[in-house]
């Protein structure tokens, strides 16, 4: 495994072996627009989140998230938690055409639940790095005026919303493929926004699935990629493996410990950059 990772980092190659660990390597900054190849297949436009909800209805008891230590979260649990949080966000004004900030979280499952909840509410998410200089962060917040910020490490962020009494069912939303999914910014300098719609992200995910099919039984580790791409395995019945940011370790250790079958990681992560 370690040799495969070193070769992938050196060559920025894509190695695909069904039945073994697959290294899906592509450099892409957090929040950057999808790099779309020349298309030969036309996909009907849809939102990124609808297929996740459909998968949760089909396989409610299958593992959706696998965390370090082996704890699992099933599709039923993840979907219900995200639905309750989405409804709490809607009560704060989250809906199509608005933005919700997403900062870091000690528990990676909380961040994925928050991501799914924001998308379910119809709002676009704005990734916020707690390590950003206050001036840069203030510009991002002023430019996008989020209805709230979820997570930790950012002044004013909400570590959690009270979801008691909220329904666990999929919330209604007037969301279309043309609505924004996320607003991302490159590193350094004065930030320039890159806005990604549901249609763009959904098309990219379908192309990835056509090239590298995932499905039930797969356990997928993703590192250093845009947050919206973390929803790809959840549309296919696969389980998403989440690394603990507080635990330092190599990819190979996670693969051995959690039975990972596919790894998708940006070269910058493999190279330590």
C-alpha atoms as a PDB file:
ATOM      1  CA  UNK A   1       0.000   0.000   0.000  1.00  0.00           C
ATOM      2  CA  UNK A   2       2.744   2.444   0.972  1.00  0.00           C
ATOM      3  CA  UNK A   3       4.575   1.790  -2.307  1.00  0.00           C
ATOM      4  CA  UNK A   4       1.418   2.474  -4.295  1.00  0.00           C
ATOM      5  CA  UNK A   5       0.934   5.762  -2.459  1.00  0.00           C
ATOM      6  CA  UNK A   6       4.539   6.818  -3.136  1.00  0.00           C
ATOM      7  CA  UNK A   7       4.231   5.998  -6.830  1.00  0.00           C
ATOM      8  CA  UNK A   8       0.939   7.878  -7.087  1.00  0.00           C
ATOM      9  CA  UNK A   9       2.445  10.921  -5.410  1.00  0.00           C
ATOM     10  CA  UNK A  10       5.477  10.871  -7.698  1.00  0.00           C
ATOM     11  CA  UNK A  11       3.644  10.430 -10.963  1.00  0.00           C
ATOM     12  CA  UNK A  12       0.257  12.027 -10.098  1.00  0.00           C
ATOM     13  CA  UNK A  13      -1.092   8.845 -11.683  1.00  0.00           C
ATOM     14  CA  UNK A  14      -4.443   7.106 -11.484  1.00  0.00           C
ATOM     15  CA  UNK A  15      -4.187   3.456 -10.541  1.00  0.00           C
ATOM     16  CA  UNK A  16      -7.359   1.350 -10.715  1.00  0.00           C
ATOM     17  CA  UNK A  17      -7.514  -2.222  -9.464  1.00  0.00           C
ATOM     18  CA  UNK A  18     -10.964  -3.642  -8.724  1.00  0.00           C
ATOM     19  CA  UNK A  19     -10.912  -5.863  -5.641  1.00  0.00           C
ATOM     20  CA  UNK A  20      -7.844  -4.087  -4.231  1.00  0.00           C
ATOM     21  CA  UNK A  21      -7.184  -0.596  -2.933  1.00  0.00           C
ATOM     22  CA  UNK A  22      -7.751   1.958  -5.685  1.00  0.00           C
ATOM     23  CA  UNK A  23      -5.823   5.206  -5.606  1.00  0.00           C
ATOM     24  CA  UNK A  24      -7.952   7.882  -7.227  1.00  0.00           C
ATOM     25  CA  UNK A  25      -5.549  10.767  -7.491  1.00  0.00           C
ATOM     26  CA  UNK A  26      -6.435  14.212  -8.764  1.00  0.00           C
ATOM     27  CA  UNK A  27      -5.195  17.619  -7.646  1.00  0.00           C
ATOM     28  CA  UNK A  28      -8.019  19.949  -6.746  1.00  0.00           C
ATOM     29  CA  UNK A  29      -8.106  22.739  -4.179  1.00  0.00           C
ATOM     30  CA  UNK A  30     -10.904  22.899  -1.598  1.00  0.00           C
ATOM     31  CA  UNK A  31     -13.895  24.622  -3.107  1.00  0.00           C
ATOM     32  CA  UNK A  32     -12.429  24.830  -6.595  1.00  0.00           C
ATOM     33  CA  UNK A  33     -14.673  24.417  -9.605  1.00  0.00           C
ATOM     34  CA  UNK A  34     -14.831  20.859 -10.979  1.00  0.00           C
ATOM     35  CA  UNK A  35     -12.326  20.143 -13.732  1.00  0.00           C
ATOM     36  CA  UNK A  36     -14.589  18.633 -16.363  1.00  0.00           C
ATOM     37  CA  UNK A  37     -13.172  16.480 -19.159  1.00  0.00           C
ATOM     38  CA  UNK A  38     -14.570  16.509 -22.675  1.00  0.00           C
ATOM     39  CA  UNK A  39     -17.960  14.806 -22.301  1.00  0.00           C
ATOM     40  CA  UNK A  40     -19.347  12.089 -24.531  1.00  0.00           C
ATOM     41  CA  UNK A  41     -22.336  11.296 -22.286  1.00  0.00           C
ATOM     42  CA  UNK A  42     -25.174  13.677 -21.494  1.00  0.00           C
ATOM     43  CA  UNK A  43     -26.546  13.461 -17.955  1.00  0.00           C
ATOM     44  CA  UNK A  44     -29.971  14.781 -16.940  1.00  0.00           C
ATOM     45  CA  UNK A  45     -29.548  17.706 -14.574  1.00  0.00           C
ATOM     46  CA  UNK A  46     -30.305  17.036 -10.934  1.00  0.00           C
ATOM     47  CA  UNK A  47     -29.197  18.230  -7.506  1.00  0.00           C
ATOM     48  CA  UNK A  48     -26.291  16.694  -5.656  1.00  0.00           C
ATOM     49  CA  UNK A  49     -28.358  15.741  -2.605  1.00  0.00           C
ATOM     50  CA  UNK A  50     -31.406  14.009  -4.076  1.00  0.00           C
ATOM     51  CA  UNK A  51     -29.524  10.773  -4.889  1.00  0.00           C
ATOM     52  CA  UNK A  52     -28.106  10.681  -1.328  1.00  0.00           C
ATOM     53  CA  UNK A  53     -31.614  10.769   0.112  1.00  0.00           C
ATOM     54  CA  UNK A  54     -32.758   8.099  -2.336  1.00  0.00           C
ATOM     55  CA  UNK A  55     -29.848   5.867  -1.335  1.00  0.00           C
ATOM     56  CA  UNK A  56     -30.635   6.321   2.359  1.00  0.00           C
ATOM     57  CA  UNK A  57     -34.197   5.181   1.657  1.00  0.00           C
ATOM     58  CA  UNK A  58     -32.951   2.094  -0.250  1.00  0.00           C
ATOM     59  CA  UNK A  59     -30.279   0.975   2.230  1.00  0.00           C
ATOM     60  CA  UNK A  60     -31.143   2.516   5.631  1.00  0.00           C
ATOM     61  CA  UNK A  61     -29.203  -0.054   7.659  1.00  0.00           C
ATOM     62  CA  UNK A  62     -26.016  -0.054   5.567  1.00  0.00           C
ATOM     63  CA  UNK A  63     -22.941   1.737   6.973  1.00  0.00           C
ATOM     64  CA  UNK A  64     -22.660   5.292   5.617  1.00  0.00           C
ATOM     65  CA  UNK A  65     -19.719   6.563   7.687  1.00  0.00           C
ATOM     66  CA  UNK A  66     -16.821   4.612   9.190  1.00  0.00           C
ATOM     67  CA  UNK A  67     -14.664   6.417  11.730  1.00  0.00           C
ATOM     68  CA  UNK A  68     -11.243   5.720  13.203  1.00  0.00           C
ATOM     69  CA  UNK A  69     -11.672   3.041  15.820  1.00  0.00           C
ATOM     70  CA  UNK A  70     -14.302   1.270  13.744  1.00  0.00           C
ATOM     71  CA  UNK A  71     -17.419   3.171  14.842  1.00  0.00           C
ATOM     72  CA  UNK A  72     -20.030   3.242  12.096  1.00  0.00           C
ATOM     73  CA  UNK A  73     -22.965   5.524  11.341  1.00  0.00           C
ATOM     74  CA  UNK A  74     -25.728   3.959   9.267  1.00  0.00           C
ATOM     75  CA  UNK A  75     -27.506   5.679   6.401  1.00  0.00           C
ATOM     76  CA  UNK A  76     -30.701   5.906   8.478  1.00  0.00           C
ATOM     77  CA  UNK A  77     -28.869   7.638  11.351  1.00  0.00           C
ATOM     78  CA  UNK A  78     -26.890  10.038   9.153  1.00  0.00           C
ATOM     79  CA  UNK A  79     -29.917  11.024   7.095  1.00  0.00           C
ATOM     80  CA  UNK A  80     -32.136  11.578  10.155  1.00  0.00           C
ATOM     81  CA  UNK A  81     -29.493  13.676  11.963  1.00  0.00           C
ATOM     82  CA  UNK A  82     -28.881  15.785   8.862  1.00  0.00           C
ATOM     83  CA  UNK A  83     -32.633  16.239   8.340  1.00  0.00           C
ATOM     84  CA  UNK A  84     -33.138  17.536  11.883  1.00  0.00           C
ATOM     85  CA  UNK A  85     -30.230  19.941  11.509  1.00  0.00           C
ATOM     86  CA  UNK A  86     -31.441  21.054   8.064  1.00  0.00           C
ATOM     87  CA  UNK A  87     -34.821  21.941   9.532  1.00  0.00           C
ATOM     88  CA  UNK A  88     -33.151  23.870  12.354  1.00  0.00           C
ATOM     89  CA  UNK A  89     -31.088  25.734   9.739  1.00  0.00           C
ATOM     90  CA  UNK A  90     -34.234  26.499   7.750  1.00  0.00           C
ATOM     91  CA  UNK A  91     -35.713  28.096  10.873  1.00  0.00           C
ATOM     92  CA  UNK A  92     -32.685  30.418  10.829  1.00  0.00           C
ATOM     93  CA  UNK A  93     -33.294  31.363   7.194  1.00  0.00           C
ATOM     94  CA  UNK A  94     -31.275  28.734   5.293  1.00  0.00           C
ATOM     95  CA  UNK A  95     -32.876  28.092   1.907  1.00  0.00           C
ATOM     96  CA  UNK A  96     -31.934  28.155  -1.795  1.00  0.00           C
ATOM     97  CA  UNK A  97     -30.155  31.405  -2.546  1.00  0.00           C
ATOM     98  CA  UNK A  98     -28.596  31.769   0.918  1.00  0.00           C
ATOM     99  CA  UNK A  99     -25.218  30.712   2.349  1.00  0.00           C
ATOM    100  CA  UNK A 100     -24.207  28.846   5.506  1.00  0.00           C
ATOM    101  CA  UNK A 101     -20.601  28.905   6.709  1.00  0.00           C
ATOM    102  CA  UNK A 102     -18.857  25.609   7.535  1.00  0.00           C
ATOM    103  CA  UNK A 103     -15.856  25.690   9.862  1.00  0.00           C
ATOM    104  CA  UNK A 104     -13.897  22.791  11.332  1.00  0.00           C
ATOM    105  CA  UNK A 105     -15.112  20.202  13.816  1.00  0.00           C
ATOM    106  CA  UNK A 106     -13.287  17.905  16.214  1.00  0.00           C
ATOM    107  CA  UNK A 107     -15.561  15.037  15.224  1.00  0.00           C
ATOM    108  CA  UNK A 108     -15.389  14.468  11.443  1.00  0.00           C
ATOM    109  CA  UNK A 109     -18.856  12.889  11.526  1.00  0.00           C
ATOM    110  CA  UNK A 110     -20.231  16.209  12.772  1.00  0.00           C
ATOM    111  CA  UNK A 111     -18.711  18.055   9.822  1.00  0.00           C
ATOM    112  CA  UNK A 112     -20.216  15.588   7.318  1.00  0.00           C
ATOM    113  CA  UNK A 113     -23.596  15.801   9.038  1.00  0.00           C
ATOM    114  CA  UNK A 114     -23.408  19.601   8.901  1.00  0.00           C
ATOM    115  CA  UNK A 115     -22.422  19.530   5.212  1.00  0.00           C
ATOM    116  CA  UNK A 116     -25.319  17.248   4.348  1.00  0.00           C
ATOM    117  CA  UNK A 117     -27.716  19.363   6.434  1.00  0.00           C
ATOM    118  CA  UNK A 118     -26.715  22.590   4.674  1.00  0.00           C
ATOM    119  CA  UNK A 119     -27.203  21.013   1.253  1.00  0.00           C
ATOM    120  CA  UNK A 120     -30.536  19.527   2.350  1.00  0.00           C
ATOM    121  CA  UNK A 121     -31.710  22.972   3.454  1.00  0.00           C
ATOM    122  CA  UNK A 122     -31.044  24.247  -0.069  1.00  0.00           C
ATOM    123  CA  UNK A 123     -28.398  26.738   1.042  1.00  0.00           C
ATOM    124  CA  UNK A 124     -24.880  26.853  -0.387  1.00  0.00           C
ATOM    125  CA  UNK A 125     -21.992  26.214   1.970  1.00  0.00           C
ATOM    126  CA  UNK A 126     -18.970  28.439   2.479  1.00  0.00           C
ATOM    127  CA  UNK A 127     -15.840  26.580   3.748  1.00  0.00           C
ATOM    128  CA  UNK A 128     -14.091  28.592   6.452  1.00  0.00           C
ATOM    129  CA  UNK A 129     -10.581  27.778   7.637  1.00  0.00           C
ATOM    130  CA  UNK A 130     -10.049  28.561  11.343  1.00  0.00           C
ATOM    131  CA  UNK A 131      -6.370  29.176  10.505  1.00  0.00           C
ATOM    132  CA  UNK A 132      -7.227  32.040   8.130  1.00  0.00           C
ATOM    133  CA  UNK A 133      -6.140  35.549   9.077  1.00  0.00           C
ATOM    134  CA  UNK A 134      -9.029  37.444  10.682  1.00  0.00           C
ATOM    135  CA  UNK A 135      -9.008  40.056   7.908  1.00  0.00           C
ATOM    136  CA  UNK A 136      -9.401  37.454   5.178  1.00  0.00           C
ATOM    137  CA  UNK A 137     -12.118  35.625   7.085  1.00  0.00           C
ATOM    138  CA  UNK A 138     -13.973  38.888   7.690  1.00  0.00           C
ATOM    139  CA  UNK A 139     -13.915  39.638   3.935  1.00  0.00           C
ATOM    140  CA  UNK A 140     -15.353  36.207   3.154  1.00  0.00           C
ATOM    141  CA  UNK A 141     -18.126  36.619   5.709  1.00  0.00           C
ATOM    142  CA  UNK A 142     -18.931  40.162   4.562  1.00  0.00           C
ATOM    143  CA  UNK A 143     -19.046  39.138   0.902  1.00  0.00           C
ATOM    144  CA  UNK A 144     -21.337  36.141   1.436  1.00  0.00           C
ATOM    145  CA  UNK A 145     -23.408  37.155   4.494  1.00  0.00           C
ATOM    146  CA  UNK A 146     -24.087  33.604   5.751  1.00  0.00           C
ATOM    147  CA  UNK A 147     -27.237  33.097   7.790  1.00  0.00           C
ATOM    148  CA  UNK A 148     -24.991  31.352  10.342  1.00  0.00           C
ATOM    149  CA  UNK A 149     -21.699  29.504  10.680  1.00  0.00           C
ATOM    150  CA  UNK A 150     -21.549  25.898  11.869  1.00  0.00           C
ATOM    151  CA  UNK A 151     -18.460  24.358  13.443  1.00  0.00           C
ATOM    152  CA  UNK A 152     -15.607  25.441  15.667  1.00  0.00           C
ATOM    153  CA  UNK A 153     -12.594  27.715  15.587  1.00  0.00           C
ATOM    154  CA  UNK A 154     -14.296  30.700  13.952  1.00  0.00           C
ATOM    155  CA  UNK A 155     -15.659  33.584  16.075  1.00  0.00           C
ATOM    156  CA  UNK A 156     -19.440  33.405  16.204  1.00  0.00           C
ATOM    157  CA  UNK A 157     -19.597  29.839  14.912  1.00  0.00           C
ATOM    158  CA  UNK A 158     -22.229  27.541  16.378  1.00  0.00           C
ATOM    159  CA  UNK A 159     -20.791  24.274  17.661  1.00  0.00           C
ATOM    160  CA  UNK A 160     -24.303  22.866  17.465  1.00  0.00           C
ATOM    161  CA  UNK A 161     -27.928  23.812  16.948  1.00  0.00           C
ATOM    162  CA  UNK A 162     -30.807  22.557  19.083  1.00  0.00           C
ATOM    163  CA  UNK A 163     -32.568  19.994  16.918  1.00  0.00           C
ATOM    164  CA  UNK A 164     -34.896  18.618  19.600  1.00  0.00           C
ATOM    165  CA  UNK A 165     -38.403  18.375  18.235  1.00  0.00           C
ATOM    166  CA  UNK A 166     -37.306  18.620  14.592  1.00  0.00           C
ATOM    167  CA  UNK A 167     -38.644  15.972  12.225  1.00  0.00           C
ATOM    168  CA  UNK A 168     -36.187  13.319  10.978  1.00  0.00           C
ATOM    169  CA  UNK A 169     -37.770  13.207   7.506  1.00  0.00           C
ATOM    170  CA  UNK A 170     -36.298  14.789   4.370  1.00  0.00           C
ATOM    171  CA  UNK A 171     -37.155  18.507   4.444  1.00  0.00           C
ATOM    172  CA  UNK A 172     -39.013  20.214   1.608  1.00  0.00           C
ATOM    173  CA  UNK A 173     -36.986  22.696  -0.451  1.00  0.00           C
ATOM    174  CA  UNK A 174     -37.424  24.567  -3.712  1.00  0.00           C
ATOM    175  CA  UNK A 175     -33.964  23.518  -4.897  1.00  0.00           C
ATOM    176  CA  UNK A 176     -32.990  23.256  -8.565  1.00  0.00           C
ATOM    177  CA  UNK A 177     -29.780  22.067 -10.284  1.00  0.00           C
ATOM    178  CA  UNK A 178     -29.006  25.703 -11.089  1.00  0.00           C
ATOM    179  CA  UNK A 179     -28.803  26.784  -7.442  1.00  0.00           C
ATOM    180  CA  UNK A 180     -25.388  27.246  -5.830  1.00  0.00           C
ATOM    181  CA  UNK A 181     -23.912  24.311  -3.956  1.00  0.00           C
ATOM    182  CA  UNK A 182     -20.807  26.010  -2.579  1.00  0.00           C
ATOM    183  CA  UNK A 183     -18.709  29.149  -2.663  1.00  0.00           C
ATOM    184  CA  UNK A 184     -14.975  28.394  -2.524  1.00  0.00           C
ATOM    185  CA  UNK A 185     -11.855  30.550  -2.370  1.00  0.00           C
ATOM    186  CA  UNK A 186      -8.265  29.862  -3.348  1.00  0.00           C
ATOM    187  CA  UNK A 187      -5.431  30.381  -0.872  1.00  0.00           C
ATOM    188  CA  UNK A 188      -3.497  33.602  -0.349  1.00  0.00           C
ATOM    189  CA  UNK A 189      -3.952  37.157  -1.523  1.00  0.00           C
ATOM    190  CA  UNK A 190      -7.284  38.834  -1.909  1.00  0.00           C
ATOM    191  CA  UNK A 191      -9.777  35.985  -2.264  1.00  0.00           C
ATOM    192  CA  UNK A 192     -11.739  35.502  -5.459  1.00  0.00           C
ATOM    193  CA  UNK A 193     -14.883  33.402  -5.233  1.00  0.00           C
ATOM    194  CA  UNK A 194     -15.425  30.244  -7.265  1.00  0.00           C
ATOM    195  CA  UNK A 195     -19.106  29.348  -7.310  1.00  0.00           C
ATOM    196  CA  UNK A 196     -20.159  25.768  -8.037  1.00  0.00           C
ATOM    197  CA  UNK A 197     -23.758  24.848  -8.844  1.00  0.00           C
ATOM    198  CA  UNK A 198     -25.495  21.569  -8.086  1.00  0.00           C
ATOM    199  CA  UNK A 199     -25.592  20.843 -11.804  1.00  0.00           C
ATOM    200  CA  UNK A 200     -21.817  21.196 -12.191  1.00  0.00           C
ATOM    201  CA  UNK A 201     -20.978  19.099  -9.140  1.00  0.00           C
ATOM    202  CA  UNK A 202     -23.555  16.423  -9.963  1.00  0.00           C
ATOM    203  CA  UNK A 203     -22.161  16.053 -13.487  1.00  0.00           C
ATOM    204  CA  UNK A 204     -18.626  15.689 -12.149  1.00  0.00           C
ATOM    205  CA  UNK A 205     -19.700  13.052  -9.612  1.00  0.00           C
ATOM    206  CA  UNK A 206     -21.508  11.060 -12.317  1.00  0.00           C
ATOM    207  CA  UNK A 207     -18.406  11.154 -14.489  1.00  0.00           C
ATOM    208  CA  UNK A 208     -16.280   9.949 -11.584  1.00  0.00           C
ATOM    209  CA  UNK A 209     -18.729   7.137 -10.893  1.00  0.00           C
ATOM    210  CA  UNK A 210     -18.698   6.101 -14.559  1.00  0.00           C
ATOM    211  CA  UNK A 211     -14.880   6.007 -14.577  1.00  0.00           C
ATOM    212  CA  UNK A 212     -14.395   4.435 -11.128  1.00  0.00           C
ATOM    213  CA  UNK A 213     -17.608   2.709  -9.997  1.00  0.00           C
ATOM    214  CA  UNK A 214     -18.319   2.615  -6.259  1.00  0.00           C
ATOM    215  CA  UNK A 215     -21.064   0.596  -4.641  1.00  0.00           C
ATOM    216  CA  UNK A 216     -22.234  -1.333  -1.570  1.00  0.00           C
ATOM    217  CA  UNK A 217     -19.294  -2.967   0.152  1.00  0.00           C
ATOM    218  CA  UNK A 218     -16.831  -0.241  -0.794  1.00  0.00           C
ATOM    219  CA  UNK A 219     -15.194   1.776   1.966  1.00  0.00           C
ATOM    220  CA  UNK A 220     -13.851   5.021   0.576  1.00  0.00           C
ATOM    221  CA  UNK A 221     -11.204   7.239   2.165  1.00  0.00           C
ATOM    222  CA  UNK A 222     -11.030  10.790   0.750  1.00  0.00           C
ATOM    223  CA  UNK A 223      -8.364  13.311   1.712  1.00  0.00           C
ATOM    224  CA  UNK A 224      -7.745  16.915   0.656  1.00  0.00           C
ATOM    225  CA  UNK A 225     -10.685  17.154  -1.773  1.00  0.00           C
ATOM    226  CA  UNK A 226     -13.639  19.560  -2.018  1.00  0.00           C
ATOM    227  CA  UNK A 227     -16.278  18.818   0.607  1.00  0.00           C
ATOM    228  CA  UNK A 228     -19.001  18.260  -1.998  1.00  0.00           C
ATOM    229  CA  UNK A 229     -17.040  15.308  -3.360  1.00  0.00           C
ATOM    230  CA  UNK A 230     -17.483  13.539  -0.024  1.00  0.00           C
ATOM    231  CA  UNK A 231     -21.118  13.013  -0.995  1.00  0.00           C
ATOM    232  CA  UNK A 232     -20.127  10.855  -3.985  1.00  0.00           C
ATOM    233  CA  UNK A 233     -19.832   7.532  -2.063  1.00  0.00           C
ATOM    234  CA  UNK A 234     -23.097   8.263  -0.229  1.00  0.00           C
ATOM    235  CA  UNK A 235     -24.962   8.307  -3.560  1.00  0.00           C
ATOM    236  CA  UNK A 236     -23.799   4.783  -4.391  1.00  0.00           C
ATOM    237  CA  UNK A 237     -24.370   2.786  -1.193  1.00  0.00           C
ATOM    238  CA  UNK A 238     -20.673   2.839  -0.284  1.00  0.00           C
ATOM    239  CA  UNK A 239     -19.342   3.852   3.139  1.00  0.00           C
ATOM    240  CA  UNK A 240     -17.237   6.977   3.576  1.00  0.00           C
ATOM    241  CA  UNK A 241     -14.193   6.472   5.821  1.00  0.00           C
ATOM    242  CA  UNK A 242     -13.371   9.570   7.864  1.00  0.00           C
ATOM    243  CA  UNK A 243      -9.898  10.150   9.254  1.00  0.00           C
ATOM    244  CA  UNK A 244      -9.643  11.690  12.715  1.00  0.00           C
ATOM    245  CA  UNK A 245      -7.838  15.064  12.314  1.00  0.00           C
ATOM    246  CA  UNK A 246      -6.518  14.730  15.885  1.00  0.00           C
ATOM    247  CA  UNK A 247      -4.785  11.468  15.066  1.00  0.00           C
ATOM    248  CA  UNK A 248      -1.587  11.569  13.039  1.00  0.00           C
ATOM    249  CA  UNK A 249      -0.931   8.534  10.916  1.00  0.00           C
ATOM    250  CA  UNK A 250      -0.330   7.197   7.459  1.00  0.00           C
ATOM    251  CA  UNK A 251      -2.913   6.268   4.870  1.00  0.00           C
ATOM    252  CA  UNK A 252      -1.756   2.662   5.002  1.00  0.00           C
ATOM    253  CA  UNK A 253      -2.644   2.394   8.697  1.00  0.00           C
ATOM    254  CA  UNK A 254      -6.186   3.561   8.046  1.00  0.00           C
ATOM    255  CA  UNK A 255      -6.524   1.182   5.122  1.00  0.00           C
ATOM    256  CA  UNK A 256      -5.481  -1.789   7.246  1.00  0.00           C
ATOM    257  CA  UNK A 257      -7.524  -0.767  10.277  1.00  0.00           C
ATOM    258  CA  UNK A 258     -10.812   0.058   8.576  1.00  0.00           C
ATOM    259  CA  UNK A 259     -10.844  -2.193   5.522  1.00  0.00           C
ATOM    260  CA  UNK A 260     -10.605   0.653   3.003  1.00  0.00           C
ATOM    261  CA  UNK A 261     -11.195  -0.461  -0.599  1.00  0.00           C
ATOM    262  CA  UNK A 262     -10.764   2.902  -2.357  1.00  0.00           C
ATOM    263  CA  UNK A 263      -8.690   5.993  -1.644  1.00  0.00           C
ATOM    264  CA  UNK A 264      -9.185   9.323  -3.390  1.00  0.00           C
ATOM    265  CA  UNK A 265      -6.639  11.920  -2.400  1.00  0.00           C
ATOM    266  CA  UNK A 266      -5.098  15.098  -3.783  1.00  0.00           C
ATOM    267  CA  UNK A 267      -1.380  14.792  -4.652  1.00  0.00           C
ATOM    268  CA  UNK A 268      -0.630  17.753  -2.368  1.00  0.00           C
ATOM    269  CA  UNK A 269      -1.795  15.646   0.584  1.00  0.00           C
ATOM    270  CA  UNK A 270       0.385  12.698  -0.402  1.00  0.00           C
ATOM    271  CA  UNK A 271       3.362  15.005  -0.823  1.00  0.00           C
ATOM    272  CA  UNK A 272       2.728  16.669   2.523  1.00  0.00           C
ATOM    273  CA  UNK A 273       2.085  20.043   0.872  1.00  0.00           C
END
